[in-house]
Amino acid sequence: MGRIFETRKHKMFARFAKMSKAFNRVRKEIEIAVKAAGPDVKTNSKLRLAMQNAKSVNMPKDRIDAAIKRAVSVDTTGYQEIIYEGYGPHGIGVIVECATDNPVRTVANVRHHFRKHEGSLGNTGSISFMFERKALFSIDRAPVADVENLELELIDFGLDELSYDDNLIYIYVPFQEYGTMQKALEDRNLEVKGAELQFIPTNTKELTEEQAKEVTDMLDALEEDDDVQSVYNNMQ
């Protein structure tokens, strides 16, 4: 009985830790958006999407409001968005997106994670050429009567790829078409459930199961860091 209780407690803590990480990520997104273009969601498209992302992870409204208030405060300098590039074990390319109020701390932590797992932090541009920058929008599938027709409509707004499952439609566009697609979806009253900018590898590298485990251990360590927003790699 005691072992079962400990297992349940471990799962509960893991769930709360994951939720806390998600809240921290979207809170920074909100603050960065407000610092960039103000707190008015009507004129700040980046803030609209950040708030939608907050809702998608069930972030309470009072926390969303608190993040906006913090960002407009004259007492806060806000977060900087920084991208680090490097190689993980077995030559896997890794891109780490961070949002931090202390770049010195962040680069030290990121470098530590790379070194600990036999990787190496590189210079800007040393890895990013192996990836394409794309935007991903997730919208509710239920109100879309004809997915194929929607796909044809969105081609004129930069659609690169469209896929779907039982609940959501996933829309990929080149990075530069981010705002164009956002407006196209809003004009069609299609609620965006989530939106993010991703690095998609142009080529992937196949590893053995043991090698992949070593890479995954490093990626997990990076993702657990409070300053890290997202981690991308070209492992198959």
C-alpha atoms as a PDB file:
ATOM      1  CA  MET A   1       0.000   0.000   0.000  1.00  0.00           C
ATOM      2  CA  GLY A   2       2.844   2.368   0.898  1.00  0.00           C
ATOM      3  CA  ARG A   3       4.557   1.782  -2.450  1.00  0.00           C
ATOM      4  CA  ILE A   4       1.321   2.532  -4.337  1.00  0.00           C
ATOM      5  CA  PHE A   5       0.907   5.775  -2.360  1.00  0.00           C
ATOM      6  CA  GLU A   6       4.485   6.817  -3.133  1.00  0.00           C
ATOM      7  CA  THR A   7       3.936   6.116  -6.842  1.00  0.00           C
ATOM      8  CA  ARG A   8       0.770   8.213  -6.889  1.00  0.00           C
ATOM      9  CA  LYS A   9       2.505  11.005  -5.000  1.00  0.00           C
ATOM     10  CA  HIS A  10       5.402  10.952  -7.460  1.00  0.00           C
ATOM     11  CA  LYS A  11       2.993  11.192 -10.412  1.00  0.00           C
ATOM     12  CA  MET A  12       1.156  14.057  -8.738  1.00  0.00           C
ATOM     13  CA  PHE A  13       4.367  16.015  -8.143  1.00  0.00           C
ATOM     14  CA  ALA A  14       5.469  15.350 -11.722  1.00  0.00           C
ATOM     15  CA  ARG A  15       2.141  16.659 -13.001  1.00  0.00           C
ATOM     16  CA  PHE A  16       2.375  19.819 -10.890  1.00  0.00           C
ATOM     17  CA  ALA A  17       5.985  20.367 -11.991  1.00  0.00           C
ATOM     18  CA  LYS A  18       4.941  20.106 -15.639  1.00  0.00           C
ATOM     19  CA  MET A  19       2.066  22.532 -15.063  1.00  0.00           C
ATOM     20  CA  SER A  20       4.364  24.977 -13.277  1.00  0.00           C
ATOM     21  CA  LYS A  21       6.825  24.862 -16.174  1.00  0.00           C
ATOM     22  CA  ALA A  22       4.017  25.506 -18.671  1.00  0.00           C
ATOM     23  CA  PHE A  23       2.704  28.451 -16.639  1.00  0.00           C
ATOM     24  CA  ASN A  24       6.208  29.909 -16.366  1.00  0.00           C
ATOM     25  CA  ARG A  25       6.720  29.609 -20.128  1.00  0.00           C
ATOM     26  CA  VAL A  26       3.483  31.368 -21.103  1.00  0.00           C
ATOM     27  CA  ARG A  27       3.934  33.993 -18.384  1.00  0.00           C
ATOM     28  CA  LYS A  28       7.211  34.988 -19.998  1.00  0.00           C
ATOM     29  CA  GLU A  29       5.542  34.990 -23.435  1.00  0.00           C
ATOM     30  CA  ILE A  30       2.935  37.417 -22.112  1.00  0.00           C
ATOM     31  CA  GLU A  31       5.485  39.714 -20.501  1.00  0.00           C
ATOM     32  CA  ILE A  32       7.686  39.773 -23.618  1.00  0.00           C
ATOM     33  CA  ALA A  33       4.647  40.549 -25.818  1.00  0.00           C
ATOM     34  CA  VAL A  34       3.514  43.394 -23.554  1.00  0.00           C
ATOM     35  CA  LYS A  35       7.015  44.886 -23.359  1.00  0.00           C
ATOM     36  CA  ALA A  36       7.236  44.756 -27.157  1.00  0.00           C
ATOM     37  CA  ALA A  37       3.868  46.263 -28.136  1.00  0.00           C
ATOM     38  CA  GLY A  38       1.840  47.222 -25.080  1.00  0.00           C
ATOM     39  CA  PRO A  39      -0.979  45.625 -23.049  1.00  0.00           C
ATOM     40  CA  ASP A  40      -3.865  46.188 -25.496  1.00  0.00           C
ATOM     41  CA  VAL A  41      -4.837  42.836 -27.019  1.00  0.00           C
ATOM     42  CA  LYS A  42      -6.697  44.616 -29.822  1.00  0.00           C
ATOM     43  CA  THR A  43      -3.493  46.084 -31.208  1.00  0.00           C
ATOM     44  CA  ASN A  44      -0.962  43.514 -29.958  1.00  0.00           C
ATOM     45  CA  SER A  45      -1.278  40.331 -31.993  1.00  0.00           C
ATOM     46  CA  LYS A  46       1.606  38.651 -30.171  1.00  0.00           C
ATOM     47  CA  LEU A  47      -0.147  39.243 -26.848  1.00  0.00           C
ATOM     48  CA  ARG A  48      -3.399  37.765 -28.186  1.00  0.00           C
ATOM     49  CA  LEU A  49      -1.615  34.562 -29.089  1.00  0.00           C
ATOM     50  CA  ALA A  50       0.318  34.465 -25.813  1.00  0.00           C
ATOM     51  CA  MET A  51      -2.945  34.757 -23.885  1.00  0.00           C
ATOM     52  CA  GLN A  52      -4.476  32.017 -26.023  1.00  0.00           C
ATOM     53  CA  ASN A  53      -1.495  29.802 -25.230  1.00  0.00           C
ATOM     54  CA  ALA A  54      -2.046  30.563 -21.546  1.00  0.00           C
ATOM     55  CA  LYS A  55      -5.665  29.440 -21.819  1.00  0.00           C
ATOM     56  CA  SER A  56      -4.612  26.264 -23.623  1.00  0.00           C
ATOM     57  CA  VAL A  57      -2.598  25.183 -20.564  1.00  0.00           C
ATOM     58  CA  ASN A  58      -5.444  26.233 -18.222  1.00  0.00           C
ATOM     59  CA  MET A  59      -3.544  29.136 -16.698  1.00  0.00           C
ATOM     60  CA  PRO A  60      -5.922  30.995 -14.323  1.00  0.00           C
ATOM     61  CA  LYS A  61      -7.114  34.440 -15.438  1.00  0.00           C
ATOM     62  CA  ASP A  62      -5.690  36.117 -12.329  1.00  0.00           C
ATOM     63  CA  ARG A  63      -2.215  34.840 -13.254  1.00  0.00           C
ATOM     64  CA  ILE A  64      -2.611  36.118 -16.814  1.00  0.00           C
ATOM     65  CA  ASP A  65      -3.657  39.540 -15.508  1.00  0.00           C
ATOM     66  CA  ALA A  66      -0.760  39.543 -13.041  1.00  0.00           C
ATOM     67  CA  ALA A  67       1.718  38.851 -15.853  1.00  0.00           C
ATOM     68  CA  ILE A  68       0.358  41.781 -17.872  1.00  0.00           C
ATOM     69  CA  LYS A  69       0.503  44.111 -14.853  1.00  0.00           C
ATOM     70  CA  ARG A  70       4.061  43.031 -14.115  1.00  0.00           C
ATOM     71  CA  ALA A  71       5.113  43.733 -17.696  1.00  0.00           C
ATOM     72  CA  VAL A  72       3.736  47.291 -17.694  1.00  0.00           C
ATOM     73  CA  SER A  73       5.331  48.087 -14.344  1.00  0.00           C
ATOM     74  CA  VAL A  74       8.171  50.598 -14.514  1.00  0.00           C
ATOM     75  CA  ASP A  75       9.982  48.541 -11.890  1.00  0.00           C
ATOM     76  CA  THR A  76      10.593  45.575 -14.180  1.00  0.00           C
ATOM     77  CA  THR A  77      12.993  45.344 -17.085  1.00  0.00           C
ATOM     78  CA  GLY A  78      11.299  42.283 -18.568  1.00  0.00           C
ATOM     79  CA  TYR A  79      12.798  39.240 -20.203  1.00  0.00           C
ATOM     80  CA  GLN A  80      15.217  38.925 -23.089  1.00  0.00           C
ATOM     81  CA  GLU A  81      14.718  36.268 -25.730  1.00  0.00           C
ATOM     82  CA  ILE A  82      18.006  34.505 -26.460  1.00  0.00           C
ATOM     83  CA  ILE A  83      18.750  31.541 -28.715  1.00  0.00           C
ATOM     84  CA  TYR A  84      21.714  29.230 -28.085  1.00  0.00           C
ATOM     85  CA  GLU A  85      23.043  26.646 -30.530  1.00  0.00           C
ATOM     86  CA  GLY A  86      25.289  23.674 -30.034  1.00  0.00           C
ATOM     87  CA  TYR A  87      25.955  19.992 -30.553  1.00  0.00           C
ATOM     88  CA  GLY A  88      24.661  17.308 -28.228  1.00  0.00           C
ATOM     89  CA  PRO A  89      26.089  13.790 -27.923  1.00  0.00           C
ATOM     90  CA  HIS A  90      26.812  11.974 -31.202  1.00  0.00           C
ATOM     91  CA  GLY A  91      26.746  15.176 -33.258  1.00  0.00           C
ATOM     92  CA  ILE A  92      23.067  15.973 -32.805  1.00  0.00           C
ATOM     93  CA  GLY A  93      22.278  19.626 -33.521  1.00  0.00           C
ATOM     94  CA  VAL A  94      20.444  21.386 -30.696  1.00  0.00           C
ATOM     95  CA  ILE A  95      18.762  24.803 -30.558  1.00  0.00           C
ATOM     96  CA  VAL A  96      17.722  26.201 -27.171  1.00  0.00           C
ATOM     97  CA  GLU A  97      15.261  29.093 -26.900  1.00  0.00           C
ATOM     98  CA  CYS A  98      15.441  31.019 -23.623  1.00  0.00           C
ATOM     99  CA  ALA A  99      13.631  33.922 -21.993  1.00  0.00           C
ATOM    100  CA  THR A 100      15.653  35.385 -19.168  1.00  0.00           C
ATOM    101  CA  ASP A 101      16.157  38.410 -16.952  1.00  0.00           C
ATOM    102  CA  ASN A 102      19.755  37.318 -16.302  1.00  0.00           C
ATOM    103  CA  PRO A 103      21.659  36.283 -19.481  1.00  0.00           C
ATOM    104  CA  VAL A 104      24.880  35.617 -17.552  1.00  0.00           C
ATOM    105  CA  ARG A 105      23.129  33.014 -15.404  1.00  0.00           C
ATOM    106  CA  THR A 106      21.327  31.511 -18.372  1.00  0.00           C
ATOM    107  CA  VAL A 107      24.348  31.002 -20.633  1.00  0.00           C
ATOM    108  CA  ALA A 108      26.254  29.463 -17.724  1.00  0.00           C
ATOM    109  CA  ASN A 109      23.428  27.003 -17.073  1.00  0.00           C
ATOM    110  CA  VAL A 110      23.004  26.102 -20.740  1.00  0.00           C
ATOM    111  CA  ARG A 111      26.753  25.598 -21.191  1.00  0.00           C
ATOM    112  CA  HIS A 112      26.778  23.387 -18.076  1.00  0.00           C
ATOM    113  CA  HIS A 113      24.038  21.141 -19.486  1.00  0.00           C
ATOM    114  CA  PHE A 114      25.917  20.733 -22.775  1.00  0.00           C
ATOM    115  CA  ARG A 115      29.245  19.950 -21.110  1.00  0.00           C
ATOM    116  CA  LYS A 116      27.738  17.566 -18.553  1.00  0.00           C
ATOM    117  CA  HIS A 117      26.289  15.461 -21.355  1.00  0.00           C
ATOM    118  CA  GLU A 118      29.385  15.577 -23.565  1.00  0.00           C
ATOM    119  CA  GLY A 119      28.008  18.231 -25.876  1.00  0.00           C
ATOM    120  CA  SER A 120      29.397  21.635 -26.823  1.00  0.00           C
ATOM    121  CA  LEU A 121      27.850  25.084 -27.045  1.00  0.00           C
ATOM    122  CA  GLY A 122      28.475  26.728 -30.414  1.00  0.00           C
ATOM    123  CA  ASN A 123      28.320  30.174 -31.955  1.00  0.00           C
ATOM    124  CA  THR A 124      25.256  31.845 -33.442  1.00  0.00           C
ATOM    125  CA  GLY A 125      24.573  30.304 -36.842  1.00  0.00           C
ATOM    126  CA  SER A 126      26.593  27.152 -36.218  1.00  0.00           C
ATOM    127  CA  ILE A 127      23.454  24.982 -36.023  1.00  0.00           C
ATOM    128  CA  SER A 128      20.483  27.056 -37.179  1.00  0.00           C
ATOM    129  CA  PHE A 129      21.335  26.571 -40.880  1.00  0.00           C
ATOM    130  CA  MET A 130      20.275  22.929 -40.378  1.00  0.00           C
ATOM    131  CA  PHE A 131      16.723  24.007 -39.454  1.00  0.00           C
ATOM    132  CA  GLU A 132      13.822  25.923 -40.977  1.00  0.00           C
ATOM    133  CA  ARG A 133      11.979  28.518 -38.889  1.00  0.00           C
ATOM    134  CA  LYS A 134       8.228  27.903 -39.074  1.00  0.00           C
ATOM    135  CA  ALA A 135       5.091  28.959 -37.238  1.00  0.00           C
ATOM    136  CA  LEU A 136       2.586  26.377 -36.043  1.00  0.00           C
ATOM    137  CA  PHE A 137      -1.047  27.251 -35.371  1.00  0.00           C
ATOM    138  CA  SER A 138      -3.444  24.796 -33.724  1.00  0.00           C
ATOM    139  CA  ILE A 139      -7.156  25.410 -34.252  1.00  0.00           C
ATOM    140  CA  ASP A 140     -10.292  23.570 -33.182  1.00  0.00           C
ATOM    141  CA  ARG A 141     -11.439  21.128 -35.856  1.00  0.00           C
ATOM    142  CA  ALA A 142     -15.098  20.970 -34.755  1.00  0.00           C
ATOM    143  CA  PRO A 143     -16.369  24.175 -36.470  1.00  0.00           C
ATOM    144  CA  VAL A 144     -14.520  23.409 -39.723  1.00  0.00           C
ATOM    145  CA  ALA A 145     -16.975  21.660 -42.007  1.00  0.00           C
ATOM    146  CA  ASP A 146     -14.543  21.047 -44.873  1.00  0.00           C
ATOM    147  CA  VAL A 147     -10.858  20.726 -43.996  1.00  0.00           C
ATOM    148  CA  GLU A 148      -9.776  20.354 -47.631  1.00  0.00           C
ATOM    149  CA  ASN A 149     -11.562  23.574 -48.588  1.00  0.00           C
ATOM    150  CA  LEU A 150      -9.912  25.393 -45.679  1.00  0.00           C
ATOM    151  CA  GLU A 151      -6.542  24.125 -46.850  1.00  0.00           C
ATOM    152  CA  LEU A 152      -7.133  25.561 -50.328  1.00  0.00           C
ATOM    153  CA  GLU A 153      -8.201  28.910 -48.846  1.00  0.00           C
ATOM    154  CA  LEU A 154      -5.134  29.210 -46.636  1.00  0.00           C
ATOM    155  CA  ILE A 155      -2.624  28.556 -49.420  1.00  0.00           C
ATOM    156  CA  ASP A 156      -2.952  32.224 -50.394  1.00  0.00           C
ATOM    157  CA  PHE A 157      -1.899  33.203 -46.860  1.00  0.00           C
ATOM    158  CA  GLY A 158       1.335  31.268 -46.775  1.00  0.00           C
ATOM    159  CA  LEU A 159       0.169  27.768 -45.830  1.00  0.00           C
ATOM    160  CA  ASP A 160       3.086  25.366 -46.002  1.00  0.00           C
ATOM    161  CA  GLU A 161       1.552  22.236 -44.527  1.00  0.00           C
ATOM    162  CA  LEU A 162      -1.750  21.213 -42.924  1.00  0.00           C
ATOM    163  CA  SER A 163      -2.550  18.108 -40.882  1.00  0.00           C
ATOM    164  CA  TYR A 164      -5.230  17.191 -38.380  1.00  0.00           C
ATOM    165  CA  ASP A 165      -6.454  14.686 -35.836  1.00  0.00           C
ATOM    166  CA  ASP A 166      -9.856  14.150 -34.213  1.00  0.00           C
ATOM    167  CA  ASN A 167      -9.699  17.414 -32.256  1.00  0.00           C
ATOM    168  CA  LEU A 168      -7.269  19.871 -33.815  1.00  0.00           C
ATOM    169  CA  ILE A 169      -6.054  21.162 -37.167  1.00  0.00           C
ATOM    170  CA  TYR A 170      -2.318  21.958 -37.362  1.00  0.00           C
ATOM    171  CA  ILE A 171      -1.217  24.709 -39.724  1.00  0.00           C
ATOM    172  CA  TYR A 172       2.445  25.305 -40.598  1.00  0.00           C
ATOM    173  CA  VAL A 173       3.627  28.478 -42.317  1.00  0.00           C
ATOM    174  CA  PRO A 174       7.067  30.008 -42.943  1.00  0.00           C
ATOM    175  CA  PHE A 175       8.235  32.302 -40.156  1.00  0.00           C
ATOM    176  CA  GLN A 176       7.728  35.443 -42.253  1.00  0.00           C
ATOM    177  CA  GLU A 177       4.046  34.541 -42.844  1.00  0.00           C
ATOM    178  CA  TYR A 178       3.240  34.324 -39.131  1.00  0.00           C
ATOM    179  CA  GLY A 179       1.236  37.566 -38.984  1.00  0.00           C
ATOM    180  CA  THR A 180      -0.455  36.969 -42.330  1.00  0.00           C
ATOM    181  CA  MET A 181      -1.790  33.567 -41.283  1.00  0.00           C
ATOM    182  CA  GLN A 182      -2.832  34.824 -37.855  1.00  0.00           C
ATOM    183  CA  LYS A 183      -5.006  37.513 -39.454  1.00  0.00           C
ATOM    184  CA  ALA A 184      -6.456  35.037 -41.969  1.00  0.00           C
ATOM    185  CA  LEU A 185      -7.577  32.744 -39.154  1.00  0.00           C
ATOM    186  CA  GLU A 186      -8.999  35.644 -37.143  1.00  0.00           C
ATOM    187  CA  ASP A 187     -10.912  36.923 -40.200  1.00  0.00           C
ATOM    188  CA  ARG A 188     -12.529  33.489 -40.485  1.00  0.00           C
ATOM    189  CA  ASN A 189     -13.418  33.444 -36.770  1.00  0.00           C
ATOM    190  CA  LEU A 190     -11.283  30.346 -36.270  1.00  0.00           C
ATOM    191  CA  GLU A 191     -10.125  30.308 -32.670  1.00  0.00           C
ATOM    192  CA  VAL A 192      -6.421  29.623 -32.293  1.00  0.00           C
ATOM    193  CA  LYS A 193      -5.882  27.084 -29.516  1.00  0.00           C
ATOM    194  CA  GLY A 194      -2.124  27.465 -29.577  1.00  0.00           C
ATOM    195  CA  ALA A 195       0.577  29.147 -31.622  1.00  0.00           C
ATOM    196  CA  GLU A 196       4.334  28.837 -31.551  1.00  0.00           C
ATOM    197  CA  LEU A 197       7.425  29.388 -33.624  1.00  0.00           C
ATOM    198  CA  GLN A 198       9.414  26.212 -34.172  1.00  0.00           C
ATOM    199  CA  PHE A 199      12.721  25.134 -35.652  1.00  0.00           C
ATOM    200  CA  ILE A 200      12.106  22.207 -38.021  1.00  0.00           C
ATOM    201  CA  PRO A 201      15.208  20.181 -39.018  1.00  0.00           C
ATOM    202  CA  THR A 202      15.835  19.945 -42.760  1.00  0.00           C
ATOM    203  CA  ASN A 203      17.652  16.632 -42.253  1.00  0.00           C
ATOM    204  CA  THR A 204      17.576  14.208 -39.336  1.00  0.00           C
ATOM    205  CA  LYS A 205      20.213  11.888 -37.919  1.00  0.00           C
ATOM    206  CA  GLU A 206      19.466   8.303 -36.928  1.00  0.00           C
ATOM    207  CA  LEU A 207      20.953   6.976 -33.683  1.00  0.00           C
ATOM    208  CA  THR A 208      20.962   3.692 -31.836  1.00  0.00           C
ATOM    209  CA  GLU A 209      18.602   3.318 -28.895  1.00  0.00           C
ATOM    210  CA  GLU A 210      21.465   3.768 -26.437  1.00  0.00           C
ATOM    211  CA  GLN A 211      22.772   6.868 -28.241  1.00  0.00           C
ATOM    212  CA  ALA A 212      19.285   8.358 -28.411  1.00  0.00           C
ATOM    213  CA  LYS A 213      18.911   7.875 -24.658  1.00  0.00           C
ATOM    214  CA  GLU A 214      22.075   9.908 -24.055  1.00  0.00           C
ATOM    215  CA  VAL A 215      20.773  12.737 -26.231  1.00  0.00           C
ATOM    216  CA  THR A 216      17.340  12.628 -24.588  1.00  0.00           C
ATOM    217  CA  ASP A 217      18.927  12.912 -21.142  1.00  0.00           C
ATOM    218  CA  MET A 218      20.569  16.184 -22.191  1.00  0.00           C
ATOM    219  CA  LEU A 219      17.386  17.517 -23.796  1.00  0.00           C
ATOM    220  CA  ASP A 220      15.398  16.698 -20.646  1.00  0.00           C
ATOM    221  CA  ALA A 221      17.943  18.536 -18.473  1.00  0.00           C
ATOM    222  CA  LEU A 222      17.718  21.606 -20.696  1.00  0.00           C
ATOM    223  CA  GLU A 223      13.914  21.604 -20.737  1.00  0.00           C
ATOM    224  CA  GLU A 224      13.802  21.466 -16.951  1.00  0.00           C
ATOM    225  CA  ASP A 225      15.796  24.699 -16.685  1.00  0.00           C
ATOM    226  CA  ASP A 226      13.559  27.623 -15.676  1.00  0.00           C
ATOM    227  CA  ASP A 227      15.103  29.949 -18.275  1.00  0.00           C
ATOM    228  CA  VAL A 228      14.529  27.558 -21.172  1.00  0.00           C
ATOM    229  CA  GLN A 229      11.371  27.988 -23.228  1.00  0.00           C
ATOM    230  CA  SER A 230      11.854  25.381 -25.974  1.00  0.00           C
ATOM    231  CA  VAL A 231      14.474  22.899 -27.200  1.00  0.00           C
ATOM    232  CA  TYR A 232      14.827  21.597 -30.757  1.00  0.00           C
ATOM    233  CA  ASN A 233      17.060  18.915 -32.253  1.00  0.00           C
ATOM    234  CA  ASN A 234      17.613  16.969 -35.462  1.00  0.00           C
ATOM    235  CA  MET A 235      17.529  13.470 -33.986  1.00  0.00           C
ATOM    236  CA  GLN A 236      15.363  11.118 -36.036  1.00  0.00           C
END
